[in-house]
């Protein structure tokens, strides 16, 4: 179920309106390679900047007890991978989404009723 939203972002005193399409957001559990598991949410979003013909695609995760969405993978408009770390990988420095996009994702997750608690700076709670 994809949902498309305009998101206003201010940068250097100029407001830009991005078009964000949020694709599936799903609960996911994966082995972490160290004998445990990673559990959280996985999301895909397409970001279309003003004047761009095609969107940039991001794959994001937010693990249980994490307060922010982390970018796991980024693909350019032509499908070229800028980086791809896999679901919930935290072996590199985590890159997070800007607050406006994080707020949108939190709202989508709440609307889809798949979390107990989520919000800016609020640790993810999946017990629902």
Protein backbone atom coordinates (compact mmCIF):
# COMPACT_ATOMS: atom_id res chain seq x y z
CA UNK A 1 0.00 0.00 0.00
CA UNK A 2 1.81 3.13 -1.24
CA UNK A 3 0.88 6.58 0.06
CA UNK A 4 2.14 9.88 -1.40
CA UNK A 5 2.62 13.08 0.61
CA UNK A 6 4.06 16.57 0.09
CA UNK A 7 6.70 17.43 2.70
CA UNK A 8 7.95 20.99 3.19
CA UNK A 9 11.63 21.25 4.11
CA UNK A 10 13.40 24.52 4.85
CA UNK A 11 17.03 24.78 3.81
CA UNK A 12 19.07 28.00 3.86
CA UNK A 13 15.92 30.07 4.34
CA UNK A 14 14.17 28.52 1.32
CA UNK A 15 11.23 26.16 1.66
CA UNK A 16 11.31 23.19 -0.71
CA UNK A 17 8.38 20.85 -1.20
CA UNK A 18 9.40 17.23 -1.67
CA UNK A 19 7.05 14.52 -2.82
CA UNK A 20 7.44 11.44 -0.64
CA UNK A 21 5.90 8.10 -1.53
CA UNK A 22 5.92 5.67 1.38
CA UNK A 23 5.70 2.05 0.27
CA UNK A 24 5.30 -0.99 2.47
CA UNK A 25 6.20 -0.65 6.14
CA UNK A 26 6.57 -4.03 7.80
CA UNK A 27 7.68 -5.57 11.06
CA UNK A 28 10.80 -7.63 10.51
CA UNK A 29 13.12 -9.85 12.52
CA UNK A 30 16.55 -10.93 11.27
CA UNK A 31 19.50 -12.72 12.86
CA UNK A 32 22.21 -10.17 13.69
CA UNK A 33 25.17 -12.46 13.11
CA UNK A 34 26.27 -12.34 16.75
CA UNK A 35 23.80 -14.88 18.15
CA UNK A 36 20.92 -12.44 18.61
CA UNK A 37 18.28 -10.88 16.44
CA UNK A 38 17.35 -7.46 15.10
CA UNK A 39 13.64 -6.65 15.34
CA UNK A 40 11.96 -3.51 14.10
CA UNK A 41 10.29 -1.82 11.18
CA UNK A 42 11.42 -1.78 7.57
CA UNK A 43 10.18 0.93 5.22
CA UNK A 44 10.71 1.98 1.64
CA UNK A 45 10.27 5.52 0.44
CA UNK A 46 10.73 7.35 -2.83
CA UNK A 47 11.77 11.00 -2.60
CA UNK A 48 11.07 13.24 -5.58
CA UNK A 49 12.85 16.60 -5.32
CA UNK A 50 11.47 19.69 -7.05
CA UNK A 51 12.43 19.65 -10.72
CA UNK A 52 13.57 16.01 -10.67
CA UNK A 53 12.09 13.58 -13.19
CA UNK A 54 12.60 10.43 -11.13
CA UNK A 55 12.79 9.79 -7.39
CA UNK A 56 15.64 8.63 -5.20
CA UNK A 57 14.72 5.43 -3.31
CA UNK A 58 15.57 4.80 0.33
CA UNK A 59 15.23 1.67 2.43
CA UNK A 60 14.96 2.50 6.12
CA UNK A 61 14.79 0.69 9.41
CA UNK A 62 13.94 1.55 12.96
CA UNK A 63 14.80 -1.17 15.44
CA UNK A 64 12.99 -1.79 18.70
CA UNK A 65 14.01 0.82 21.28
CA UNK A 66 15.62 3.11 18.65
CA UNK A 67 14.50 6.76 18.63
CA UNK A 68 15.22 7.45 14.93
CA UNK A 69 14.80 6.07 11.42
CA UNK A 70 18.11 4.92 9.90
CA UNK A 71 18.88 4.79 6.18
CA UNK A 72 19.91 1.24 5.29
CA UNK A 73 20.18 1.76 1.53
CA UNK A 74 19.98 4.55 -1.03
CA UNK A 75 19.45 4.14 -4.77
CA UNK A 76 19.66 6.97 -7.30
CA UNK A 77 16.96 7.80 -9.84
CA UNK A 78 18.66 5.49 -12.35
CA UNK A 79 18.74 2.60 -9.83
CA UNK A 80 22.45 3.05 -9.10
CA UNK A 81 23.18 1.99 -5.49
CA UNK A 82 24.83 4.76 -3.47
CA UNK A 83 25.09 2.32 -0.55
CA UNK A 84 23.29 -0.74 0.77
CA UNK A 85 23.91 -2.12 4.24
CA UNK A 86 20.93 -4.45 4.71
CA UNK A 87 18.05 -4.35 7.17
CA UNK A 88 18.99 -2.94 10.56
CA UNK A 89 22.74 -3.06 10.00
CA UNK A 90 24.45 -0.81 12.50
CA UNK A 91 28.07 -1.76 11.70
CA UNK A 92 28.70 1.63 10.05
CA UNK A 93 27.86 5.14 11.22
CA UNK A 94 24.08 5.35 11.06
CA UNK A 95 22.67 7.99 8.72
CA UNK A 96 19.25 9.16 9.83
CA UNK A 97 16.48 10.88 7.88
CA UNK A 98 15.70 14.54 8.41
CA UNK A 99 13.06 15.31 11.07
CA UNK A 100 10.33 16.22 8.55
CA UNK A 101 10.60 12.80 6.89
CA UNK A 102 10.89 11.00 10.24
CA UNK A 103 7.69 12.70 11.41
CA UNK A 104 5.91 11.64 8.22
CA UNK A 105 7.04 8.02 8.64
CA UNK A 106 5.96 8.01 12.28
CA UNK A 107 2.51 9.30 11.25
CA UNK A 108 2.19 6.64 8.54
CA UNK A 109 3.13 3.88 10.98
CA UNK A 110 0.60 5.18 13.54
CA UNK A 111 -2.12 5.37 10.86
CA UNK A 112 -1.37 1.80 9.79
CA UNK A 113 -1.66 0.72 13.47
CA UNK A 114 1.48 -1.42 13.58
CA UNK A 115 3.20 0.09 16.64
CA UNK A 116 2.40 0.86 20.25
CA UNK A 117 4.69 3.92 20.55
CA UNK A 118 6.73 5.92 18.06
CA UNK A 119 7.68 9.56 17.66
CA UNK A 120 10.55 11.99 17.41
CA UNK A 121 13.03 10.88 20.05
CA UNK A 122 10.63 8.22 21.34
CA UNK A 123 12.03 4.68 21.32
CA UNK A 124 10.13 2.32 19.02
CA UNK A 125 7.76 -0.01 20.85
CA UNK A 126 6.22 -2.76 18.70
CA UNK A 127 4.20 -4.40 21.49
CA UNK A 128 0.76 -3.79 20.08
